[in-house]
């Protein structure tokens, strides 16, 4: 279990130093979390059959490049170790999708989960769309903002789902009951879909995500 923010002042100070561009602080954060990021990517590659992710090490490097960039630009505010890990997990997912775009693969990811009775919010990896396309970048931004806006517990379940974890895996990792995880997951999907609907996501990006307004 992650240590509460007020119990880890050294980490808060380290993040603040990295925000200011201090290379030594960035190096310390990298050493502290690179194993965590690598493990999450390897786990996702195995669970999701991300055969196209040839270099986990390259992906790890990209995650930290994006993380430190977000720090400097004020797009990440430290609020404890758990929030930091969640941001890294979310960044790892989008980095992996960028790698898949470049590989021009044809397989799909999905939040559709048979063991949950088939939640109808599919997330293809849109392999046919180039990463440089403005439309796709905007859709990724909208999705990332919607996930980030979820409550902490719901966000954690969605982030773990994005990396291929089943309900039973999330139960084991978080110590929650199966009913609790399933409830959080379902309600997170509802909230996520509502938020995306408010910004016209279905109309603008639905074709990339296999979504329709009536789904």
Protein backbone atom coordinates (compact mmCIF):
# COMPACT_ATOMS: atom_id res chain seq x y z
CA UNK A 1 0.00 0.00 0.00
CA UNK A 2 1.30 3.49 -0.91
CA UNK A 3 2.44 5.82 1.85
CA UNK A 4 0.13 8.84 2.38
CA UNK A 5 1.46 12.14 1.07
CA UNK A 6 1.94 13.65 4.54
CA UNK A 7 4.06 10.66 5.55
CA UNK A 8 6.55 11.14 2.70
CA UNK A 9 7.76 14.76 2.72
CA UNK A 10 11.06 13.76 1.10
CA UNK A 11 9.25 12.57 -2.02
CA UNK A 12 7.22 15.77 -2.21
CA UNK A 13 10.43 17.80 -2.00
CA UNK A 14 12.07 15.62 -4.64
CA UNK A 15 9.18 16.15 -7.05
CA UNK A 16 9.32 19.90 -6.45
CA UNK A 17 13.04 19.96 -7.23
CA UNK A 18 12.43 18.01 -10.42
CA UNK A 19 9.68 20.47 -11.35
CA UNK A 20 12.35 23.16 -11.25
CA UNK A 21 14.44 21.20 -13.73
CA UNK A 22 17.05 19.86 -11.30
CA UNK A 23 18.73 16.96 -13.08
CA UNK A 24 19.82 15.25 -9.88
CA UNK A 25 16.22 15.20 -8.65
CA UNK A 26 15.03 13.80 -11.97
CA UNK A 27 17.66 11.10 -11.68
CA UNK A 28 16.52 10.17 -8.18
CA UNK A 29 12.89 9.95 -9.27
CA UNK A 30 13.90 7.82 -12.23
CA UNK A 31 15.85 5.42 -10.02
CA UNK A 32 12.96 5.23 -7.59
CA UNK A 33 10.20 4.55 -10.12
CA UNK A 34 11.77 3.05 -13.24
CA UNK A 35 11.30 -0.46 -11.86
CA UNK A 36 7.64 0.27 -11.17
CA UNK A 37 7.04 1.57 -14.70
CA UNK A 38 8.96 -1.31 -16.29
CA UNK A 39 6.94 -3.86 -14.32
CA UNK A 40 3.63 -2.26 -15.32
CA UNK A 41 4.61 -2.22 -19.00
CA UNK A 42 5.81 -5.83 -18.94
CA UNK A 43 2.64 -6.90 -17.19
CA UNK A 44 0.50 -5.06 -19.74
CA UNK A 45 2.47 -6.51 -22.65
CA UNK A 46 1.85 -10.02 -21.34
CA UNK A 47 -1.80 -9.52 -20.45
CA UNK A 48 -2.77 -7.57 -23.56
CA UNK A 49 -0.49 -9.42 -25.98
CA UNK A 50 1.29 -6.22 -26.90
CA UNK A 51 3.65 -8.16 -29.16
CA UNK A 52 4.51 -4.97 -31.03
CA UNK A 53 6.09 -3.42 -27.90
CA UNK A 54 9.55 -4.68 -28.80
CA UNK A 55 11.52 -2.48 -26.42
CA UNK A 56 10.10 -2.01 -22.95
CA UNK A 57 13.25 -0.06 -22.07
CA UNK A 58 12.56 2.51 -24.79
CA UNK A 59 9.00 2.84 -23.53
CA UNK A 60 10.23 3.34 -19.96
CA UNK A 61 12.51 6.15 -21.15
CA UNK A 62 9.64 7.78 -23.03
CA UNK A 63 7.40 7.61 -19.97
CA UNK A 64 9.90 9.57 -17.91
CA UNK A 65 10.51 12.08 -20.69
CA UNK A 66 6.76 12.76 -20.73
CA UNK A 67 6.54 12.77 -16.94
CA UNK A 68 9.30 15.33 -16.45
CA UNK A 69 7.85 17.45 -19.25
CA UNK A 70 4.45 17.39 -17.51
CA UNK A 71 6.13 18.40 -14.25
CA UNK A 72 7.89 21.38 -15.79
CA UNK A 73 4.73 22.52 -17.59
CA UNK A 74 2.61 22.28 -14.45
CA UNK A 75 0.39 19.48 -15.78
CA UNK A 76 1.06 17.27 -12.76
CA UNK A 77 0.63 18.34 -9.15
CA UNK A 78 2.06 16.06 -6.50
CA UNK A 79 -0.62 14.77 -4.12
CA UNK A 80 1.00 11.67 -2.67
CA UNK A 81 2.77 8.51 -3.87
CA UNK A 82 -0.43 6.84 -5.06
CA UNK A 83 -1.34 9.79 -7.28
CA UNK A 84 2.19 9.84 -8.66
CA UNK A 85 2.09 6.13 -9.48
CA UNK A 86 -1.30 6.59 -11.13
CA UNK A 87 0.04 9.36 -13.34
CA UNK A 88 2.97 7.18 -14.37
CA UNK A 89 0.62 4.29 -15.17
CA UNK A 90 -1.57 6.55 -17.29
CA UNK A 91 1.47 7.99 -19.06
CA UNK A 92 2.78 4.47 -19.69
CA UNK A 93 -0.46 3.53 -21.41
CA UNK A 94 -0.38 6.48 -23.79
CA UNK A 95 3.32 5.98 -24.50
CA UNK A 96 2.60 2.35 -25.34
CA UNK A 97 -0.17 3.43 -27.71
CA UNK A 98 2.23 5.82 -29.43
CA UNK A 99 4.66 2.93 -29.90
CA UNK A 100 1.88 0.84 -31.37
CA UNK A 101 0.94 3.57 -33.81
CA UNK A 102 4.49 3.70 -35.04
CA UNK A 103 4.53 -0.06 -35.44
CA UNK A 104 1.42 0.11 -37.64
CA UNK A 105 -0.03 -2.95 -35.90
CA UNK A 106 -3.61 -4.05 -36.44
CA UNK A 107 -4.68 -5.54 -33.14
CA UNK A 108 -7.05 -3.80 -30.72
CA UNK A 109 -7.22 -3.02 -27.03
CA UNK A 110 -10.54 -2.78 -25.32
CA UNK A 111 -12.11 -1.95 -22.00
CA UNK A 112 -14.75 -4.52 -22.95
CA UNK A 113 -14.43 -7.24 -20.33
CA UNK A 114 -16.27 -10.54 -20.74
CA UNK A 115 -15.97 -11.43 -17.07
CA UNK A 116 -17.84 -8.21 -16.25
CA UNK A 117 -20.69 -9.05 -18.59
CA UNK A 118 -19.37 -6.86 -21.36
CA UNK A 119 -19.12 -3.20 -20.39
CA UNK A 120 -19.89 -1.29 -23.56
CA UNK A 121 -17.03 1.15 -23.66
CA UNK A 122 -14.50 -0.11 -26.17
CA UNK A 123 -11.03 1.37 -26.50
CA UNK A 124 -9.33 0.33 -29.76
CA UNK A 125 -5.69 1.17 -30.15
CA UNK A 126 -6.57 2.91 -33.43
CA UNK A 127 -3.57 1.31 -35.14
CA UNK A 128 -4.56 2.67 -38.53
CA UNK A 129 -4.31 6.29 -37.39
CA UNK A 130 -0.91 7.96 -37.43
CA UNK A 131 0.26 9.37 -34.11
CA UNK A 132 1.05 12.70 -35.74
CA UNK A 133 -2.55 13.29 -36.82
CA UNK A 134 -4.07 16.30 -35.08
CA UNK A 135 -7.41 14.55 -34.68
CA UNK A 136 -5.93 11.61 -32.83
CA UNK A 137 -3.77 13.75 -30.57
CA UNK A 138 -6.83 15.75 -29.57
CA UNK A 139 -8.81 12.58 -28.84
CA UNK A 140 -5.98 11.26 -26.67
CA UNK A 141 -5.93 14.54 -24.79
CA UNK A 142 -9.67 14.43 -24.15
CA UNK A 143 -9.48 10.84 -22.96
CA UNK A 144 -6.51 11.51 -20.68
CA UNK A 145 -8.24 14.52 -19.11
CA UNK A 146 -11.44 12.54 -18.56
CA UNK A 147 -9.57 9.70 -16.84
CA UNK A 148 -7.60 12.17 -14.71
CA UNK A 149 -10.85 13.82 -13.58
CA UNK A 150 -12.22 10.61 -12.07
CA UNK A 151 -12.21 10.20 -8.31
CA UNK A 152 -9.06 8.56 -6.96
CA UNK A 153 -10.54 5.09 -6.40
CA UNK A 154 -12.37 4.97 -9.72
CA UNK A 155 -9.34 6.34 -11.54
CA UNK A 156 -7.08 3.65 -10.09
CA UNK A 157 -9.43 0.90 -11.27
CA UNK A 158 -9.63 2.39 -14.78
CA UNK A 159 -5.87 2.86 -14.99
CA UNK A 160 -5.30 -0.76 -14.01
CA UNK A 161 -7.96 -1.85 -16.50
CA UNK A 162 -6.24 0.09 -19.27
CA UNK A 163 -3.10 -1.92 -18.56
CA UNK A 164 -4.95 -5.21 -18.94
CA UNK A 165 -5.71 -6.18 -15.36
CA UNK A 166 -8.90 -8.17 -14.76
CA UNK A 167 -11.11 -7.61 -11.75
CA UNK A 168 -9.46 -10.51 -9.92
CA UNK A 169 -6.02 -8.95 -10.53
CA UNK A 170 -7.17 -5.56 -9.25
CA UNK A 171 -8.63 -7.25 -6.18
CA UNK A 172 -5.27 -8.88 -5.46
CA UNK A 173 -3.32 -5.66 -6.06
CA UNK A 174 -5.54 -3.30 -4.07
CA UNK A 175 -7.00 -5.50 -1.34
CA UNK A 176 -10.55 -4.51 -2.29
CA UNK A 177 -13.38 -6.99 -2.60
CA UNK A 178 -14.53 -8.19 -6.00
CA UNK A 179 -17.86 -6.43 -5.52
CA UNK A 180 -16.09 -3.18 -4.65
CA UNK A 181 -13.82 -3.31 -7.70
CA UNK A 182 -16.70 -4.24 -10.02
CA UNK A 183 -18.80 -1.40 -8.65
CA UNK A 184 -15.99 1.12 -8.98
CA UNK A 185 -15.28 -0.05 -12.50
CA UNK A 186 -18.89 0.17 -13.63
CA UNK A 187 -19.46 3.60 -12.09
CA UNK A 188 -16.16 4.85 -13.48
CA UNK A 189 -17.25 3.79 -16.96
CA UNK A 190 -20.53 5.64 -16.54
CA UNK A 191 -18.79 8.77 -15.29
CA UNK A 192 -16.11 8.57 -17.97
CA UNK A 193 -18.68 8.23 -20.71
CA UNK A 194 -20.69 11.15 -19.33
CA UNK A 195 -17.63 13.40 -19.15
CA UNK A 196 -16.59 12.47 -22.66
CA UNK A 197 -20.12 13.12 -23.86
CA UNK A 198 -20.00 16.62 -22.41
CA UNK A 199 -17.04 17.53 -24.62
CA UNK A 200 -18.49 15.96 -27.77
CA UNK A 201 -16.09 13.03 -27.66
CA UNK A 202 -18.49 10.58 -29.32
CA UNK A 203 -19.10 12.88 -32.27
CA UNK A 204 -15.44 13.84 -32.68
CA UNK A 205 -13.64 10.64 -31.69
CA UNK A 206 -16.21 7.85 -31.49
CA UNK A 207 -15.18 6.35 -34.82
CA UNK A 208 -11.63 5.89 -33.48
CA UNK A 209 -12.86 4.19 -30.32
CA UNK A 210 -15.54 1.93 -31.77
CA UNK A 211 -18.22 3.94 -29.95
CA UNK A 212 -21.62 5.12 -31.03
CA UNK A 213 -24.02 7.43 -29.22
CA UNK A 214 -26.42 4.58 -28.58
CA UNK A 215 -23.83 2.10 -27.36
